[in-house]
Each structure stands twice: as structure tokens, then as C-alpha cells.
Protein backbone atom coordinates (compact mmCIF):
# COMPACT_ATOMS: atom_id res chain seq x y z
CA MET A 1 -0.02 -0.02 -0.06
CA LYS A 2 1.31 3.46 -0.88
CA ILE A 3 1.08 6.45 1.38
CA VAL A 4 1.96 9.89 0.12
CA ASP A 5 3.44 12.22 2.83
CA HIS A 6 3.56 15.93 3.10
CA ASN A 7 6.75 16.04 0.83
CA ASN A 8 4.92 14.00 -1.76
CA PHE A 9 7.32 11.11 -1.00
CA TRP A 10 5.93 7.58 -1.42
CA LEU A 11 5.97 5.14 1.52
CA MET A 12 5.22 1.50 0.82
CA ALA A 13 5.09 -0.36 4.24
CA ASP A 14 5.67 -4.06 4.43
CA ASN A 15 6.68 -4.29 0.76
CA PRO A 16 8.20 -7.65 -0.48
CA ILE A 17 11.85 -7.27 -1.55
CA SER A 18 13.11 -10.82 -1.87
CA LYS A 19 12.24 -14.56 -1.32
CA VAL A 20 13.67 -17.85 -0.33
CA GLY A 21 13.94 -20.34 -3.18
CA ILE A 22 16.08 -21.75 -6.04
CA TYR A 23 16.91 -19.21 -8.73
CA PRO A 24 18.92 -19.46 -12.00
CA TYR A 25 22.35 -17.71 -12.23
CA LEU A 26 25.02 -17.70 -14.97
CA GLY A 27 28.27 -19.41 -14.18
CA SER A 28 30.00 -16.07 -14.73
CA GLN A 29 27.96 -14.62 -11.75
CA ILE A 30 28.89 -17.42 -9.39
CA SER A 31 32.72 -18.35 -10.08
CA ASP A 32 35.39 -18.11 -12.75
CA LYS A 33 35.65 -21.81 -12.47
CA LEU A 34 32.31 -22.50 -13.88
CA ILE A 35 31.10 -22.23 -17.49
CA PRO A 36 30.29 -18.53 -17.95
CA ASP A 37 27.23 -18.82 -20.09
CA LYS A 38 25.75 -22.00 -18.44
CA LEU A 39 22.75 -21.54 -16.05
CA TYR A 40 23.09 -23.09 -12.58
CA ASN A 41 20.34 -23.48 -10.02
CA VAL A 42 21.30 -21.69 -6.77
CA LEU A 43 19.46 -22.10 -3.36
CA ARG A 44 18.82 -19.16 -1.35
CA PRO A 45 17.89 -20.76 1.98
CA ALA A 46 15.76 -19.29 4.80
CA GLU A 47 18.47 -19.74 7.40
CA GLU A 48 20.75 -17.40 5.42
CA VAL A 49 18.18 -14.96 4.12
CA GLY A 50 16.61 -14.56 7.57
CA SER A 51 19.70 -14.50 9.67
CA GLU A 52 20.14 -11.39 11.94
CA GLU A 53 23.17 -10.38 10.16
CA SER A 54 21.67 -10.58 6.71
CA LEU A 55 18.45 -8.64 7.68
CA LYS A 56 20.34 -5.90 9.42
CA SER A 57 22.57 -5.45 6.36
CA LEU A 58 19.39 -4.57 4.25
CA GLN A 59 18.42 -1.69 6.47
CA LEU A 60 18.72 1.85 5.07
CA LEU A 61 20.04 0.60 1.76
CA PRO A 62 19.65 2.92 -1.34
CA ILE A 63 16.95 2.30 -4.01
CA VAL A 64 18.27 2.68 -7.53
CA ASP A 65 17.00 2.35 -11.11
CA GLU A 66 18.49 -0.99 -12.53
CA HIS A 67 21.43 -2.88 -10.90
CA ALA A 68 24.78 -1.35 -10.14
CA MET A 69 27.01 -2.41 -7.20
CA LEU A 70 27.61 0.88 -5.28
CA GLY A 71 30.70 1.78 -3.48
CA GLY A 72 34.18 3.31 -3.92
CA GLU A 73 36.14 0.17 -4.72
CA ASP A 74 37.25 -0.92 -8.18
CA GLY A 75 34.37 -2.20 -10.30
CA MET A 76 31.77 -0.30 -8.24
CA VAL A 77 29.75 2.81 -9.07
CA ASN A 78 29.74 5.91 -6.90
CA PRO A 79 26.30 6.44 -5.38
CA GLU A 80 26.17 10.06 -6.59
CA GLN A 81 27.04 8.99 -10.03
CA LYS A 82 24.39 6.27 -10.22
CA GLY A 83 21.63 8.31 -8.59
CA ILE A 84 19.71 7.35 -5.37
CA HIS A 85 15.94 7.43 -5.78
CA GLY A 86 14.84 6.23 -2.39
CA VAL A 87 15.79 4.08 0.68
CA ILE A 88 14.88 0.92 2.58
CA GLY A 89 13.64 1.63 6.05
CA GLU A 90 14.74 -0.09 9.22
CA ASN A 91 11.78 -2.41 9.36
CA VAL A 92 13.09 -5.45 7.59
CA TYR A 93 12.00 -8.97 8.48
CA LEU A 94 11.41 -12.52 7.04
CA LYS A 95 7.88 -14.02 7.03
CA ASP A 96 6.69 -17.11 5.16
CA ASP A 97 9.91 -17.22 3.19
CA THR A 98 9.58 -13.67 1.93
CA ILE A 99 11.62 -10.66 3.08
CA TYR A 100 9.52 -7.58 3.78
CA ALA A 101 10.58 -3.99 4.32
CA ASP A 102 9.35 -0.41 4.32
CA LEU A 103 10.31 1.53 1.18
CA LYS A 104 10.44 5.27 0.75
CA ILE A 105 10.69 6.74 -2.79
CA PHE A 106 11.39 10.49 -3.20
CA SER A 107 12.51 10.62 -6.86
CA GLU A 108 10.01 11.95 -9.32
CA ALA A 109 11.75 10.08 -12.09
CA LEU A 110 11.39 6.79 -10.42
CA LYS A 111 7.77 7.48 -9.48
CA GLU A 112 6.99 8.12 -13.15
CA GLU A 113 8.63 4.78 -14.12
CA ILE A 114 6.62 2.92 -11.58
CA GLU A 115 3.41 4.65 -12.78
CA ASN A 116 4.30 3.56 -16.35
CA GLY A 117 4.47 -0.06 -15.22
CA LYS A 118 8.12 -0.73 -14.18
CA LYS A 119 7.56 -2.21 -10.76
CA GLN A 120 9.54 -5.37 -10.13
CA LEU A 121 12.30 -5.34 -7.58
CA SER A 122 15.72 -7.07 -7.25
CA LEU A 123 18.13 -7.04 -4.35
CA GLY A 124 21.83 -6.39 -5.01
CA TYR A 125 24.05 -8.03 -2.38
CA PHE A 126 27.27 -9.77 -1.73
CA CYS A 127 27.43 -13.44 -0.84
CA ASP A 128 29.57 -16.56 -0.63
CA TYR A 129 28.65 -19.55 -2.95
CA ASP A 130 28.84 -22.95 -1.46
CA PRO A 131 29.23 -25.41 -4.35
CA THR A 132 27.48 -28.25 -2.49
CA PRO A 133 24.52 -29.62 -4.55
CA GLY A 134 21.30 -30.91 -3.12
CA GLU A 135 17.51 -30.75 -3.35
CA TYR A 136 14.99 -28.31 -1.95
CA ASN A 137 11.27 -28.93 -2.16
CA GLY A 138 11.93 -31.72 -4.62
CA LYS A 139 14.02 -29.51 -6.97
CA HIS A 140 17.73 -29.92 -7.65
CA TYR A 141 20.18 -27.16 -6.92
CA ASP A 142 23.90 -26.83 -7.71
CA ALA A 143 25.10 -24.30 -5.12
CA VAL A 144 23.95 -22.42 -1.90
CA GLN A 145 24.21 -18.75 -1.22
CA ARG A 146 25.55 -17.97 2.25
CA ASN A 147 26.50 -14.86 4.27
CA LEU A 148 24.25 -12.54 2.32
CA ARG A 149 25.00 -8.77 2.82
CA GLY A 150 23.03 -6.11 1.14
CA ASN A 151 24.26 -3.34 -1.23
CA HIS A 152 21.13 -1.85 -2.87
CA LEU A 153 17.61 -2.53 -4.06
CA ALA A 154 16.93 -2.06 -7.78
CA LEU A 155 13.82 -1.31 -9.74
CA VAL A 156 13.98 -3.61 -12.83
CA GLU A 157 11.82 -4.68 -15.73
CA GLU A 158 12.01 -8.40 -14.81
CA GLY A 159 13.40 -9.75 -11.59
CA ARG A 160 14.34 -13.29 -10.67
CA MET A 161 11.27 -13.55 -8.36
CA GLY A 162 8.86 -12.20 -10.85
CA PRO A 163 5.79 -10.13 -9.97
CA ASP A 164 5.60 -11.49 -6.40
CA VAL A 165 8.43 -9.02 -5.55
CA ARG A 166 7.38 -5.63 -6.89
CA ILE A 167 6.49 -2.02 -5.74
CA MET A 168 3.05 -2.44 -4.08
CA ASP A 169 1.51 0.93 -4.98
CA SER A 170 -1.97 -0.21 -6.17
CA GLU A 171 -3.83 1.62 -3.24
CA VAL A 172 -3.25 5.24 -2.41
CA GLU A 173 -4.17 6.67 1.00
CA GLU A 174 -4.90 10.24 1.92
CA LYS A 175 -1.90 12.49 2.98
CA PRO A 176 -1.50 12.47 6.80
CA GLY A 177 -3.27 15.50 8.27
CA ALA A 178 -5.43 16.25 5.18
CA GLU A 179 -8.93 17.34 6.05
CA GLU A 180 -11.84 15.34 4.82
CA VAL A 181 -14.24 17.36 2.80
CA SER A 182 -17.91 16.49 3.31
CA GLU A 183 -20.52 16.64 0.57
CA VAL A 184 -22.60 19.80 0.38
CA GLU A 185 -26.31 19.16 1.05
CA GLU A 186 -28.61 20.69 -1.48
CA THR A 187 -31.96 22.25 -0.58
CA PRO A 188 -34.85 20.10 -2.00
CA LYS A 189 -36.59 21.71 -4.91
CA LEU A 190 -40.33 22.57 -4.73
CA GLY A 191 -42.49 19.45 -4.81
CA GLU A 192 -39.50 17.11 -3.96
CA GLU A 193 -39.33 15.05 -0.74
CA PRO A 194 -36.26 15.96 1.30
CA ASP A 195 -33.67 13.25 2.07
CA SER A 196 -33.81 11.76 5.66
CA ASP A 197 -30.61 13.50 6.69
CA TYR A 198 -31.69 16.94 5.33
CA GLU A 199 -32.46 19.53 8.08
CA SER A 200 -34.91 22.23 6.92
CA ASP A 201 -34.40 25.86 8.02
CA VAL A 202 -38.26 26.30 8.10
CA ILE A 203 -39.49 26.99 11.62
CA GLU A 204 -42.13 24.59 12.75
CA GLU A 205 -45.42 26.00 14.30
CA SER A 206 -44.48 24.16 17.54
CA GLU A 207 -41.27 26.11 17.76
CA LEU A 208 -43.05 29.47 17.78
CA PRO A 209 -43.50 31.35 21.09
CA ASP A 210 -46.82 31.08 22.86
CA VAL A 211 -48.90 34.22 22.20
CA ALA A 212 -50.41 34.16 25.70
CA GLU A 213 -46.91 34.03 27.23
CA SER A 214 -45.84 37.00 25.19
CA GLU A 215 -48.84 39.16 26.21
CA ALA A 216 -48.15 38.27 29.90
CA GLU A 217 -44.51 39.38 29.52
CA LEU A 218 -45.73 42.64 27.96
CA GLU A 219 -48.13 43.35 30.86
CA ASN A 220 -45.22 42.84 33.27
CA ILE A 221 -43.11 45.45 31.51
CA GLU A 222 -46.07 47.96 31.50
CA ASP A 223 -46.49 47.44 35.20
CA LEU A 224 -42.92 48.34 35.75
CA GLU A 225 -43.33 51.52 33.71
CA GLU A 226 -46.41 52.47 35.65
CA SER A 227 -44.57 52.04 38.90
CA GLU A 228 -42.21 54.85 37.91
CA ASP A 229 -44.34 57.52 39.39
CA GLU A 230 -44.53 55.66 42.72
CA PHE A 231 -40.85 55.08 42.92
CA GLU A 232 -39.13 57.13 45.66
CA PRO A 233 -35.37 57.65 45.44
CA LEU A 234 -33.25 56.42 48.31
CA ASN A 235 -32.82 59.17 51.09
CA GLN A 236 -29.14 59.27 50.53
CA SER A 237 -26.95 61.94 49.19
CA LYS A 238 -24.83 61.25 46.05
CA ASP A 239 -21.79 61.38 48.22
CA ASP A 240 -23.07 58.41 50.29
CA VAL A 241 -23.40 56.15 47.21
CA LEU A 242 -20.23 53.97 46.82
CA TYR A 243 -18.90 53.91 43.32
CA ALA A 244 -15.45 52.81 42.21
CA ASP A 245 -13.95 54.80 39.35
CA ASP A 246 -12.29 51.68 37.78
CA LEU A 247 -15.65 49.88 37.31
CA ASN A 248 -17.45 49.68 34.02
CA LYS A 249 -19.98 52.56 34.30
CA ASP A 250 -23.57 52.12 33.39
CA PRO A 251 -25.55 54.90 31.70
CA ALA A 252 -28.63 54.46 34.02
CA PHE A 253 -26.47 54.66 37.14
CA GLU A 254 -24.74 57.78 35.74
CA GLU A 255 -28.10 59.53 35.37
CA TYR A 256 -28.88 58.64 38.99
CA LEU A 257 -25.64 60.26 40.19
CA LYS A 258 -26.53 63.37 38.29
CA GLY A 259 -29.91 63.53 40.26
CA GLU A 260 -32.04 62.68 37.36
CA ARG A 261 -35.03 60.32 37.77
CA VAL A 262 -34.52 56.93 36.21
CA ASN A 263 -37.02 54.38 35.03
CA ARG A 264 -36.64 51.58 37.38
CA ALA A 265 -37.19 48.99 34.63
CA GLU A 266 -34.08 50.39 32.95
CA ALA A 267 -32.05 51.02 35.98
CA TYR A 268 -29.74 48.00 35.91
CA TYR A 269 -26.12 47.84 36.40
CA SER A 270 -24.13 45.68 33.93
CA GLY A 271 -20.78 46.18 35.48
CA PRO A 272 -19.22 44.35 38.51
CA TYR A 273 -21.40 44.14 41.66
CA ASP A 274 -21.98 47.46 43.53
CA ALA A 275 -23.68 47.06 47.01
CA ALA A 276 -25.01 50.66 47.25
CA PHE A 277 -26.69 50.57 43.89
CA GLU A 278 -28.26 47.21 44.66
CA ALA A 279 -29.77 48.69 47.88
CA TYR A 280 -31.07 51.63 45.81
CA LEU A 281 -32.81 49.38 43.38
CA ARG A 282 -34.53 47.44 46.24
CA GLY A 283 -35.79 50.77 47.62
CA GLU A 284 -33.98 50.42 50.89
């Protein structure tokens, strides 16, 4: 499975990169003592492929386009000359005779090749050849690979293990952190039945306020206004009223301080609590 990160790099977690089994090699690839153009069956056993030293040597190896043994020794290619397109992660393990690893690809050129169908993988590694013949799962082999040590992982047209070992990029996940965009609901057209999830903006009759309750509230307000003539201000001088300069002042309270009559229904104080003003409102 392919995950695209915030850098647009590709991550393929638990991607197969090699397998246990018997594979054909030219004599020239094994030893100069063998017939160069003859094919020999070579066993890659699980105990060698899955050894701790072998698996550890595959961690953080470069991913390249086509094989080339990388290094600074004679016959090798400098990595910067070859071009590094990605890297194997540190999660490398053997399961059911297959080696799996996390792969990260950051090269646009290699991503384009993969999208165009070039997907098979092939490990490049050093090993010793044991010329002891034998049989594995009923098939004859001429030699055994031992002490495998990784060098690179190559993207190739056709690998020895075929399409079982390839870039697994068929499924693409969302970038981490990307917000999921929900579908916009459309208002039903006239004459159409709304969907079950559609919430109408029309106010139902049951949601409207009760007319009787509204009239009762209006009468209460009128009673307050009528009580204005009966209201007697507190027998206190302005100097006796406590008021802090740093409080949020209220217009109605300011009028009271000026000696003006105030409608009691409007004489509220919206700032911090003031004991003197509260006593004034209660008519004490």
C-alpha cells in the first residue's frame, strides 16, 4: 500500500523485496571456475536470508534504477553517479519465506517509471557460494548462497522472483493531516421530498413562542413602567453612594448620580457588583 506524505514522497510499508527459493544464475555470476554462459540453480535458504546479520545489512540501503554495485572500490559505481531514488527503512523482516521492508521513494523520475508499469524489484548483495549440490522442495540445486550482505535494491523490468516481488502501489491513502471534505447538502426543490438527513431551515409551528406568554410578559413590562411615578429615590446623598472609578460605568447609574429620575425598569447595572446601587434598586 502506498502512502503519500507531506513532501509528496511515497511510503510502501511491508513491501516484499526478496524470497527464499532456487533461482537461476549464470556461471559467470557465481565463479570463474564455472562455464560462464551456463545456467546453474542456486538455493537461497531461509536460514541464510533470515539471519540477523543478513536482515540488518538490508536496513537503510539505497533504492536505484537498474542494478549497479555501489561503493568506492574498483568495479563499483559511486552512489552520486548512479543516482539514489529512495531508501529501505529499518523495518526489515522474514515472514513465510519472503523478506518484507518499508520503502520510501522520493525521486519523481522513479515514481514516473513505476506509474508507467516498471515495478519489479531485485536485491543487489554480496554473498559466498557454497558449491554443495542438493534438493529443496523436490528440486535440484547446484550451489547455496551464504553470508548475504546487502548493497542496494533495484527497480527492474523483470526480476528473478517475478511479479511477487514488486512495488506495491496499487492503493493510495490520503496524505496524513489532510482534512476530509464532506459533501454539500442541496436544498430540495419545490415538490420534492427531502432526504432523511436533510435538516430544513423552516421554523415549525411548535417552535413559535406562545402568544399568551408573550402578552403576559408585555403586561409585566407595562406594570414596571407604571410604577415609575410611585418610585421614591433613596434618602441618601450622592456622596453616600459607593462607586469605584475603575468599574465599568452604566448609563442609567450615571443619570442617578446626576440627580435625574430613572425608570426603574431600565435602572440596571451591567458592570461588577455594587452594593449601594443594589440597595437603591430594592428601595432600601
